[in-house]
PDB file of all heavy atoms in Angstrom:
ATOM      1  N   ASP A   1       0.815  -1.218   0.000  1.00  0.00           N
ATOM      2  CA  ASP A   1       0.000   0.000   0.000  1.00  0.00           C
ATOM      3  C   ASP A   1       0.847   1.267   0.000  1.00  0.00           C
ATOM      4  O   ASP A   1       0.370   2.346  -0.350  1.00  0.00           O
ATOM      5  CB  ASP A   1      -0.937   0.016   1.221  1.00  0.00           C
ATOM      6  CG  ASP A   1      -1.979  -1.091   1.128  1.00  0.00           C
ATOM      7  OD1 ASP A   1      -2.224  -1.557   0.010  1.00  0.00           O
ATOM      8  OD2 ASP A   1      -2.522  -1.472   2.183  1.00  0.00           O
ATOM      9  N   ASP A   2       2.096   1.174   0.441  1.00  0.00           N
ATOM     10  CA  ASP A   2       2.955   2.349   0.538  1.00  0.00           C
ATOM     11  C   ASP A   2       3.849   2.548  -0.683  1.00  0.00           C
ATOM     12  O   ASP A   2       4.647   3.483  -0.708  1.00  0.00           O
ATOM     13  CB  ASP A   2       3.855   2.238   1.781  1.00  0.00           C
ATOM     14  CG  ASP A   2       3.025   2.172   3.052  1.00  0.00           C
ATOM     15  OD1 ASP A   2       1.980   2.842   3.103  1.00  0.00           O
ATOM     16  OD2 ASP A   2       3.429   1.432   3.973  1.00  0.00           O
ATOM     17  N   ALA A   3       3.759   1.669  -1.652  1.00  0.00           N
ATOM     18  CA  ALA A   3       4.640   1.772  -2.817  1.00  0.00           C
ATOM     19  C   ALA A   3       3.850   1.499  -4.086  1.00  0.00           C
ATOM     20  O   ALA A   3       2.853   0.776  -4.074  1.00  0.00           O
ATOM     21  CB  ALA A   3       5.795   0.778  -2.703  1.00  0.00           C
ATOM     22  N   ALA A   4       4.306   2.135  -5.167  1.00  0.00           N
ATOM     23  CA  ALA A   4       3.692   1.854  -6.466  1.00  0.00           C
ATOM     24  C   ALA A   4       3.946   0.399  -6.840  1.00  0.00           C
ATOM     25  O   ALA A   4       4.981  -0.177  -6.501  1.00  0.00           O
ATOM     26  CB  ALA A   4       4.285   2.783  -7.529  1.00  0.00           C
ATOM     27  N   SER A   5       3.006  -0.190  -7.509  1.00  0.00           N
ATOM     28  CA  SER A   5       3.155  -1.596  -7.858  1.00  0.00           C
ATOM     29  C   SER A   5       4.218  -1.775  -8.931  1.00  0.00           C
ATOM     30  O   SER A   5       4.401  -0.939  -9.809  1.00  0.00           O
ATOM     31  CB  SER A   5       1.818  -2.166  -8.335  1.00  0.00           C
ATOM     32  OG  SER A   5       1.379  -1.493  -9.501  1.00  0.00           O
ATOM     33  N   CYS A   6       4.922  -2.879  -8.820  1.00  0.00           N
ATOM     34  CA  CYS A   6       5.952  -3.244  -9.790  1.00  0.00           C
ATOM     35  C   CYS A   6       5.644  -4.644 -10.299  1.00  0.00           C
ATOM     36  O   CYS A   6       4.996  -5.443  -9.619  1.00  0.00           O
ATOM     37  CB  CYS A   6       7.338  -3.230  -9.157  1.00  0.00           C
ATOM     38  SG  CYS A   6       7.876  -1.600  -8.611  1.00  0.00           S
ATOM     39  N   LEU A   7       6.116  -4.915 -11.496  1.00  0.00           N
ATOM     40  CA  LEU A   7       5.925  -6.230 -12.083  1.00  0.00           C
ATOM     41  C   LEU A   7       7.284  -6.886 -12.280  1.00  0.00           C
ATOM     42  O   LEU A   7       8.215  -6.265 -12.790  1.00  0.00           O
ATOM     43  CB  LEU A   7       5.196  -6.124 -13.423  1.00  0.00           C
ATOM     44  CG  LEU A   7       3.786  -5.537 -13.372  1.00  0.00           C
ATOM     45  CD1 LEU A   7       3.169  -5.486 -14.761  1.00  0.00           C
ATOM     46  CD2 LEU A   7       2.890  -6.329 -12.432  1.00  0.00           C
ATOM     47  N   ALA A   8       7.391  -8.133 -11.888  1.00  0.00           N
ATOM     48  CA  ALA A   8       8.619  -8.903 -12.048  1.00  0.00           C
ATOM     49  C   ALA A   8       8.326 -10.134 -12.893  1.00  0.00           C
ATOM     50  O   ALA A   8       7.217 -10.685 -12.855  1.00  0.00           O
ATOM     51  CB  ALA A   8       9.164  -9.316 -10.684  1.00  0.00           C
ATOM     52  N   LEU A   9       9.314 -10.561 -13.666  1.00  0.00           N
ATOM     53  CA  LEU A   9       9.128 -11.717 -14.517  1.00  0.00           C
ATOM     54  C   LEU A   9       9.064 -13.002 -13.696  1.00  0.00           C
ATOM     55  O   LEU A   9       9.809 -13.173 -12.726  1.00  0.00           O
ATOM     56  CB  LEU A   9      10.273 -11.829 -15.532  1.00  0.00           C
ATOM     57  CG  LEU A   9      10.080 -11.097 -16.862  1.00  0.00           C
ATOM     58  CD1 LEU A   9      10.004  -9.588 -16.663  1.00  0.00           C
ATOM     59  CD2 LEU A   9      11.184 -11.454 -17.841  1.00  0.00           C
ATOM     60  N   THR A  10       8.183 -13.880 -14.110  1.00  0.00           N
ATOM     61  CA  THR A  10       8.131 -15.221 -13.544  1.00  0.00           C
ATOM     62  C   THR A  10       9.069 -16.119 -14.346  1.00  0.00           C
ATOM     63  O   THR A  10       9.673 -15.702 -15.338  1.00  0.00           O
ATOM     64  CB  THR A  10       6.710 -15.780 -13.618  1.00  0.00           C
ATOM     65  OG1 THR A  10       6.333 -15.884 -15.011  1.00  0.00           O
ATOM     66  CG2 THR A  10       5.718 -14.876 -12.903  1.00  0.00           C
ATOM     67  N   ASP A  11       9.181 -17.370 -13.932  1.00  0.00           N
ATOM     68  CA  ASP A  11       9.974 -18.330 -14.710  1.00  0.00           C
ATOM     69  C   ASP A  11       9.411 -18.443 -16.129  1.00  0.00           C
ATOM     70  O   ASP A  11      10.162 -18.552 -17.100  1.00  0.00           O
ATOM     71  CB  ASP A  11       9.970 -19.697 -14.032  1.00  0.00           C
ATOM     72  CG  ASP A  11      10.822 -19.718 -12.761  1.00  0.00           C
ATOM     73  OD1 ASP A  11      11.646 -18.795 -12.599  1.00  0.00           O
ATOM     74  OD2 ASP A  11      10.657 -20.656 -11.958  1.00  0.00           O
ATOM     75  N   ALA A  12       8.079 -18.427 -16.237  1.00  0.00           N
ATOM     76  CA  ALA A  12       7.460 -18.511 -17.561  1.00  0.00           C
ATOM     77  C   ALA A  12       7.796 -17.272 -18.395  1.00  0.00           C
ATOM     78  O   ALA A  12       8.015 -17.366 -19.601  1.00  0.00           O
ATOM     79  CB  ALA A  12       5.944 -18.652 -17.419  1.00  0.00           C
ATOM     80  N   GLY A  13       7.844 -16.107 -17.734  1.00  0.00           N
ATOM     81  CA  GLY A  13       8.195 -14.886 -18.451  1.00  0.00           C
ATOM     82  C   GLY A  13       9.617 -14.924 -18.967  1.00  0.00           C
ATOM     83  O   GLY A  13       9.897 -14.530 -20.106  1.00  0.00           O
ATOM     84  N   ARG A  14      10.558 -15.399 -18.141  1.00  0.00           N
ATOM     85  CA  ARG A  14      11.941 -15.522 -18.585  1.00  0.00           C
ATOM     86  C   ARG A  14      12.057 -16.537 -19.710  1.00  0.00           C
ATOM     87  O   ARG A  14      12.839 -16.354 -20.651  1.00  0.00           O
ATOM     88  CB  ARG A  14      12.835 -15.899 -17.402  1.00  0.00           C
ATOM     89  CG  ARG A  14      13.039 -14.748 -16.408  1.00  0.00           C
ATOM     90  CD  ARG A  14      14.055 -15.107 -15.347  1.00  0.00           C
ATOM     91  NE  ARG A  14      13.496 -16.040 -14.376  1.00  0.00           N
ATOM     92  CZ  ARG A  14      12.839 -15.685 -13.281  1.00  0.00           C
ATOM     93  NH1 ARG A  14      12.650 -14.394 -13.018  1.00  0.00           N
ATOM     94  NH2 ARG A  14      12.375 -16.582 -12.443  1.00  0.00           N
ATOM     95  N   GLY A  15      11.261 -17.599 -19.623  1.00  0.00           N
ATOM     96  CA  GLY A  15      11.269 -18.580 -20.714  1.00  0.00           C
ATOM     97  C   GLY A  15      10.759 -18.001 -22.012  1.00  0.00           C
ATOM     98  O   GLY A  15      11.298 -18.282 -23.085  1.00  0.00           O
ATOM     99  N   ALA A  16       9.706 -17.164 -21.911  1.00  0.00           N
ATOM    100  CA  ALA A  16       9.163 -16.522 -23.117  1.00  0.00           C
ATOM    101  C   ALA A  16      10.187 -15.588 -23.740  1.00  0.00           C
ATOM    102  O   ALA A  16      10.305 -15.511 -24.973  1.00  0.00           O
ATOM    103  CB  ALA A  16       7.885 -15.760 -22.772  1.00  0.00           C
ATOM    104  N   LEU A  17      10.946 -14.853 -22.908  1.00  0.00           N
ATOM    105  CA  LEU A  17      12.011 -13.990 -23.439  1.00  0.00           C
ATOM    106  C   LEU A  17      13.071 -14.821 -24.149  1.00  0.00           C
ATOM    107  O   LEU A  17      13.548 -14.449 -25.231  1.00  0.00           O
ATOM    108  CB  LEU A  17      12.658 -13.199 -22.310  1.00  0.00           C
ATOM    109  CG  LEU A  17      11.999 -11.899 -21.874  1.00  0.00           C
ATOM    110  CD1 LEU A  17      12.901 -11.191 -20.853  1.00  0.00           C
ATOM    111  CD2 LEU A  17      11.735 -10.974 -23.048  1.00  0.00           C
ATOM    112  N   GLY A  18      13.451 -15.936 -23.546  1.00  0.00           N
ATOM    113  CA  GLY A  18      14.454 -16.800 -24.164  1.00  0.00           C
ATOM    114  C   GLY A  18      13.980 -17.371 -25.485  1.00  0.00           C
ATOM    115  O   GLY A  18      14.743 -17.428 -26.459  1.00  0.00           O
ATOM    116  N   ASP A  19      12.714 -17.784 -25.544  1.00  0.00           N
ATOM    117  CA  ASP A  19      12.172 -18.316 -26.796  1.00  0.00           C
ATOM    118  C   ASP A  19      12.162 -17.246 -27.882  1.00  0.00           C
ATOM    119  O   ASP A  19      12.475 -17.521 -29.046  1.00  0.00           O
ATOM    120  CB  ASP A  19      10.746 -18.831 -26.576  1.00  0.00           C
ATOM    121  CG  ASP A  19      10.714 -20.095 -25.728  1.00  0.00           C
ATOM    122  OD1 ASP A  19      11.771 -20.743 -25.597  1.00  0.00           O
ATOM    123  OD2 ASP A  19       9.638 -20.424 -25.195  1.00  0.00           O
ATOM    124  N   GLY A  20      11.799 -16.010 -27.494  1.00  0.00           N
ATOM    125  CA  GLY A  20      11.795 -14.926 -28.464  1.00  0.00           C
ATOM    126  C   GLY A  20      13.189 -14.628 -28.987  1.00  0.00           C
ATOM    127  O   GLY A  20      13.379 -14.349 -30.174  1.00  0.00           O
ATOM    128  N   LEU A  21      14.182 -14.686 -28.100  1.00  0.00           N
ATOM    129  CA  LEU A  21      15.567 -14.454 -28.516  1.00  0.00           C
ATOM    130  C   LEU A  21      16.016 -15.512 -29.516  1.00  0.00           C
ATOM    131  O   LEU A  21      16.664 -15.195 -30.524  1.00  0.00           O
ATOM    132  CB  LEU A  21      16.472 -14.467 -27.284  1.00  0.00           C
ATOM    133  CG  LEU A  21      17.962 -14.236 -27.521  1.00  0.00           C
ATOM    134  CD1 LEU A  21      18.200 -12.877 -28.166  1.00  0.00           C
ATOM    135  CD2 LEU A  21      18.737 -14.346 -26.208  1.00  0.00           C
ATOM    136  N   LYS A  22      15.661 -16.766 -29.268  1.00  0.00           N
ATOM    137  CA  LYS A  22      16.028 -17.837 -30.196  1.00  0.00           C
ATOM    138  C   LYS A  22      15.377 -17.628 -31.554  1.00  0.00           C
ATOM    139  O   LYS A  22      16.015 -17.817 -32.597  1.00  0.00           O
ATOM    140  CB  LYS A  22      15.609 -19.195 -29.621  1.00  0.00           C
ATOM    141  CG  LYS A  22      16.452 -19.672 -28.458  1.00  0.00           C
ATOM    142  CD  LYS A  22      15.893 -20.940 -27.843  1.00  0.00           C
ATOM    143  CE  LYS A  22      15.808 -22.077 -28.837  1.00  0.00           C
ATOM    144  NZ  LYS A  22      15.310 -23.316 -28.202  1.00  0.00           N
ATOM    145  N   ARG A  23      14.105 -17.227 -31.569  1.00  0.00           N
ATOM    146  CA  ARG A  23      13.423 -16.991 -32.849  1.00  0.00           C
ATOM    147  C   ARG A  23      14.053 -15.821 -33.602  1.00  0.00           C
ATOM    148  O   ARG A  23      14.232 -15.882 -34.821  1.00  0.00           O
ATOM    149  CB  ARG A  23      11.929 -16.734 -32.610  1.00  0.00           C
ATOM    150  CG  ARG A  23      11.102 -17.999 -32.416  1.00  0.00           C
ATOM    151  CD  ARG A  23       9.619 -17.685 -32.443  1.00  0.00           C
ATOM    152  NE  ARG A  23       9.230 -16.903 -31.274  1.00  0.00           N
ATOM    153  CZ  ARG A  23       8.799 -17.441 -30.123  1.00  0.00           C
ATOM    154  NH1 ARG A  23       8.726 -18.749 -29.995  1.00  0.00           N
ATOM    155  NH2 ARG A  23       8.449 -16.672 -29.112  1.00  0.00           N
ATOM    156  N   ASN A  24      14.386 -14.752 -32.869  1.00  0.00           N
ATOM    157  CA  ASN A  24      14.996 -13.593 -33.525  1.00  0.00           C
ATOM    158  C   ASN A  24      16.357 -13.937 -34.108  1.00  0.00           C
ATOM    159  O   ASN A  24      16.702 -13.497 -35.209  1.00  0.00           O
ATOM    160  CB  ASN A  24      15.131 -12.437 -32.533  1.00  0.00           C
ATOM    161  CG  ASN A  24      13.796 -11.816 -32.181  1.00  0.00           C
ATOM    162  OD1 ASN A  24      12.824 -11.943 -32.919  1.00  0.00           O
ATOM    163  ND2 ASN A  24      13.736 -11.146 -31.042  1.00  0.00           N
ATOM    164  N   ARG A  25      17.135 -14.717 -33.374  1.00  0.00           N
ATOM    165  CA  ARG A  25      18.445 -15.121 -33.892  1.00  0.00           C
ATOM    166  C   ARG A  25      18.286 -16.007 -35.125  1.00  0.00           C
ATOM    167  O   ARG A  25      19.040 -15.875 -36.098  1.00  0.00           O
ATOM    168  CB  ARG A  25      19.226 -15.856 -32.810  1.00  0.00           C
ATOM    169  CG  ARG A  25      19.805 -14.932 -31.743  1.00  0.00           C
ATOM    170  CD  ARG A  25      20.474 -15.722 -30.641  1.00  0.00           C
ATOM    171  NE  ARG A  25      21.154 -14.837 -29.691  1.00  0.00           N
ATOM    172  CZ  ARG A  25      21.616 -15.242 -28.526  1.00  0.00           C
ATOM    173  NH1 ARG A  25      21.469 -16.519 -28.141  1.00  0.00           N
ATOM    174  NH2 ARG A  25      22.225 -14.380 -27.709  1.00  0.00           N
ATOM    175  N   ALA A  26      17.314 -16.917 -35.091  1.00  0.00           N
ATOM    176  CA  ALA A  26      17.084 -17.784 -36.249  1.00  0.00           C
ATOM    177  C   ALA A  26      16.663 -16.966 -37.464  1.00  0.00           C
ATOM    178  O   ALA A  26      17.096 -17.228 -38.594  1.00  0.00           O
ATOM    179  CB  ALA A  26      16.029 -18.837 -35.915  1.00  0.00           C
ATOM    180  N   ALA A  27      15.809 -15.940 -37.234  1.00  0.00           N
ATOM    181  CA  ALA A  27      15.369 -15.099 -38.344  1.00  0.00           C
ATOM    182  C   ALA A  27      16.535 -14.314 -38.923  1.00  0.00           C
ATOM    183  O   ALA A  27      16.654 -14.164 -40.150  1.00  0.00           O
ATOM    184  CB  ALA A  27      14.263 -14.149 -37.879  1.00  0.00           C
ATOM    185  N   ARG A  28      17.414 -13.790 -38.043  1.00  0.00           N
ATOM    186  CA  ARG A  28      18.587 -13.055 -38.540  1.00  0.00           C
ATOM    187  C   ARG A  28      19.495 -13.975 -39.341  1.00  0.00           C
ATOM    188  O   ARG A  28      20.031 -13.586 -40.389  1.00  0.00           O
ATOM    189  CB  ARG A  28      19.358 -12.427 -37.374  1.00  0.00           C
ATOM    190  CG  ARG A  28      18.674 -11.203 -36.783  1.00  0.00           C
ATOM    191  CD  ARG A  28      19.634 -10.409 -35.916  1.00  0.00           C
ATOM    192  NE  ARG A  28      20.065 -11.156 -34.748  1.00  0.00           N
ATOM    193  CZ  ARG A  28      19.448 -11.149 -33.578  1.00  0.00           C
ATOM    194  NH1 ARG A  28      18.352 -10.444 -33.407  1.00  0.00           N
ATOM    195  NH2 ARG A  28      19.929 -11.846 -32.560  1.00  0.00           N
ATOM    196  N   ASP A  29      19.686 -15.204 -38.864  1.00  0.00           N
ATOM    197  CA  ASP A  29      20.518 -16.149 -39.600  1.00  0.00           C
ATOM    198  C   ASP A  29      19.902 -16.478 -40.953  1.00  0.00           C
ATOM    199  O   ASP A  29      20.602 -16.543 -41.965  1.00  0.00           O
ATOM    200  CB  ASP A  29      20.708 -17.433 -38.786  1.00  0.00           C
ATOM    201  CG  ASP A  29      21.592 -17.222 -37.558  1.00  0.00           C
ATOM    202  OD1 ASP A  29      22.289 -16.192 -37.508  1.00  0.00           O
ATOM    203  OD2 ASP A  29      21.567 -18.088 -36.663  1.00  0.00           O
ATOM    204  N   ALA A  30      18.575 -16.677 -40.973  1.00  0.00           N
ATOM    205  CA  ALA A  30      17.892 -16.978 -42.232  1.00  0.00           C
ATOM    206  C   ALA A  30      18.006 -15.800 -43.195  1.00  0.00           C
ATOM    207  O   ALA A  30      18.206 -15.974 -44.398  1.00  0.00           O
ATOM    208  CB  ALA A  30      16.427 -17.317 -41.965  1.00  0.00           C
ATOM    209  N   HIS A  31      17.881 -14.571 -42.659  1.00  0.00           N
ATOM    210  CA  HIS A  31      17.997 -13.374 -43.505  1.00  0.00           C
ATOM    211  C   HIS A  31      19.410 -13.276 -44.076  1.00  0.00           C
ATOM    212  O   HIS A  31      19.588 -12.969 -45.263  1.00  0.00           O
ATOM    213  CB  HIS A  31      17.662 -12.138 -42.684  1.00  0.00           C
ATOM    214  CG  HIS A  31      17.581 -10.881 -43.477  1.00  0.00           C
ATOM    215  ND1 HIS A  31      18.695 -10.133 -43.800  1.00  0.00           N
ATOM    216  CD2 HIS A  31      16.516 -10.235 -44.035  1.00  0.00           C
ATOM    217  CE1 HIS A  31      18.329  -9.090 -44.512  1.00  0.00           C
ATOM    218  NE2 HIS A  31      17.012  -9.123 -44.659  1.00  0.00           N
ATOM    219  N   SER A  32      20.419 -13.542 -43.260  1.00  0.00           N
ATOM    220  CA  SER A  32      21.807 -13.474 -43.725  1.00  0.00           C
ATOM    221  C   SER A  32      22.069 -14.509 -44.816  1.00  0.00           C
ATOM    222  O   SER A  32      22.720 -14.215 -45.826  1.00  0.00           O
ATOM    223  CB  SER A  32      22.769 -13.691 -42.557  1.00  0.00           C
ATOM    224  OG  SER A  32      22.661 -12.650 -41.612  1.00  0.00           O
ATOM    225  N   ARG A  33      21.554 -15.719 -44.629  1.00  0.00           N
ATOM    226  CA  ARG A  33      21.762 -16.759 -45.637  1.00  0.00           C
ATOM    227  C   ARG A  33      21.046 -16.416 -46.938  1.00  0.00           C
ATOM    228  O   ARG A  33      21.572 -16.640 -48.033  1.00  0.00           O
ATOM    229  CB  ARG A  33      21.294 -18.115 -45.096  1.00  0.00           C
ATOM    230  CG  ARG A  33      22.156 -18.656 -43.966  1.00  0.00           C
ATOM    231  CD  ARG A  33      21.859 -20.126 -43.709  1.00  0.00           C
ATOM    232  NE  ARG A  33      20.491 -20.330 -43.262  1.00  0.00           N
ATOM    233  CZ  ARG A  33      20.103 -20.336 -41.994  1.00  0.00           C
ATOM    234  NH1 ARG A  33      20.984 -20.093 -41.032  1.00  0.00           N
ATOM    235  NH2 ARG A  33      18.844 -20.540 -41.667  1.00  0.00           N
ATOM    236  N   ALA A  34      19.831 -15.866 -46.825  1.00  0.00           N
ATOM    237  CA  ALA A  34      19.097 -15.476 -48.024  1.00  0.00           C
ATOM    238  C   ALA A  34      19.799 -14.342 -48.755  1.00  0.00           C
ATOM    239  O   ALA A  34      19.905 -14.330 -49.983  1.00  0.00           O
ATOM    240  CB  ALA A  34      17.669 -15.065 -47.653  1.00  0.00           C
ATOM    241  N   THR A  35      20.302 -13.362 -47.985  1.00  0.00           N
ATOM    242  CA  THR A  35      21.039 -12.251 -48.589  1.00  0.00           C
ATOM    243  C   THR A  35      22.265 -12.755 -49.327  1.00  0.00           C
ATOM    244  O   THR A  35      22.559 -12.334 -50.455  1.00  0.00           O
ATOM    245  CB  THR A  35      21.442 -11.229 -47.509  1.00  0.00           C
ATOM    246  OG1 THR A  35      20.267 -10.706 -46.892  1.00  0.00           O
ATOM    247  CG2 THR A  35      22.256 -10.090 -48.109  1.00  0.00           C
ATOM    248  N   GLU A  36      22.994 -13.679 -48.710  1.00  0.00           N
ATOM    249  CA  GLU A  36      24.184 -14.227 -49.351  1.00  0.00           C
ATOM    250  C   GLU A  36      23.827 -14.981 -50.630  1.00  0.00           C
ATOM    251  O   GLU A  36      24.534 -14.877 -51.642  1.00  0.00           O
ATOM    252  CB  GLU A  36      24.924 -15.160 -48.390  1.00  0.00           C
ATOM    253  CG  GLU A  36      26.216 -15.715 -48.978  1.00  0.00           C
ATOM    254  CD  GLU A  36      26.982 -16.592 -48.001  1.00  0.00           C
ATOM    255  OE1 GLU A  36      26.547 -16.694 -46.848  1.00  0.00           O
ATOM    256  OE2 GLU A  36      28.001 -17.158 -48.413  1.00  0.00           O
ATOM    257  N   ALA A  37      22.717 -15.724 -50.605  1.00  0.00           N
ATOM    258  CA  ALA A  37      22.306 -16.478 -51.790  1.00  0.00           C
ATOM    259  C   ALA A  37      21.967 -15.540 -52.953  1.00  0.00           C
ATOM    260  O   ALA A  37      22.356 -15.783 -54.099  1.00  0.00           O
ATOM    261  CB  ALA A  37      21.112 -17.371 -51.461  1.00  0.00           C
ATOM    262  N   VAL A  38      21.235 -14.467 -52.667  1.00  0.00           N
ATOM    263  CA  VAL A  38      20.875 -13.504 -53.715  1.00  0.00           C
ATOM    264  C   VAL A  38      22.117 -12.806 -54.247  1.00  0.00           C
ATOM    265  O   VAL A  38      22.320 -12.668 -55.458  1.00  0.00           O
ATOM    266  CB  VAL A  38      19.859 -12.477 -53.178  1.00  0.00           C
ATOM    267  CG1 VAL A  38      19.613 -11.371 -54.202  1.00  0.00           C
ATOM    268  CG2 VAL A  38      18.546 -13.165 -52.818  1.00  0.00           C
ATOM    269  N   ALA A  39      22.978 -12.348 -53.337  1.00  0.00           N
ATOM    270  CA  ALA A  39      24.190 -11.647 -53.751  1.00  0.00           C
ATOM    271  C   ALA A  39      25.088 -12.549 -54.586  1.00  0.00           C
ATOM    272  O   ALA A  39      25.659 -12.111 -55.603  1.00  0.00           O
ATOM    273  CB  ALA A  39      24.930 -11.128 -52.521  1.00  0.00           C
ATOM    274  N   ALA A  40      25.233 -13.802 -54.183  1.00  0.00           N
ATOM    275  CA  ALA A  40      26.069 -14.735 -54.932  1.00  0.00           C
ATOM    276  C   ALA A  40      25.501 -14.983 -56.325  1.00  0.00           C
ATOM    277  O   ALA A  40      26.245 -15.074 -57.310  1.00  0.00           O
ATOM    278  CB  ALA A  40      26.198 -16.052 -54.164  1.00  0.00           C
ATOM    279  N   HIS A  41      24.182 -15.093 -56.426  1.00  0.00           N
ATOM    280  CA  HIS A  41      23.528 -15.296 -57.726  1.00  0.00           C
ATOM    281  C   HIS A  41      23.816 -14.116 -58.657  1.00  0.00           C
ATOM    282  O   HIS A  41      24.162 -14.301 -59.839  1.00  0.00           O
ATOM    283  CB  HIS A  41      22.020 -15.459 -57.517  1.00  0.00           C
ATOM    284  CG  HIS A  41      21.237 -15.540 -58.780  1.00  0.00           C
ATOM    285  ND1 HIS A  41      20.983 -16.733 -59.432  1.00  0.00           N
ATOM    286  CD2 HIS A  41      20.647 -14.571 -59.538  1.00  0.00           C
ATOM    287  CE1 HIS A  41      20.271 -16.496 -60.517  1.00  0.00           C
ATOM    288  NE2 HIS A  41      20.053 -15.193 -60.612  1.00  0.00           N
ATOM    289  N   LEU A  42      23.684 -12.903 -58.142  1.00  0.00           N
ATOM    290  CA  LEU A  42      23.899 -11.717 -58.968  1.00  0.00           C
ATOM    291  C   LEU A  42      25.374 -11.557 -59.339  1.00  0.00           C
ATOM    292  O   LEU A  42      25.710 -11.182 -60.470  1.00  0.00           O
ATOM    293  CB  LEU A  42      23.401 -10.475 -58.230  1.00  0.00           C
ATOM    294  CG  LEU A  42      21.888 -10.431 -57.955  1.00  0.00           C
ATOM    295  CD1 LEU A  42      21.559  -9.282 -57.007  1.00  0.00           C
ATOM    296  CD2 LEU A  42      21.099 -10.300 -59.256  1.00  0.00           C
TER     297      LEU A  42
END
């Protein structure tokens, strides 16, 4: 009652962040490979 409410991540929240990081890294890798394929073709 004496402090503004704060939100902290649960184990599930940390897991969701980790899953998102893995997806973002995979997308960056896929983008890099696609870019290399197009550049090599040209």
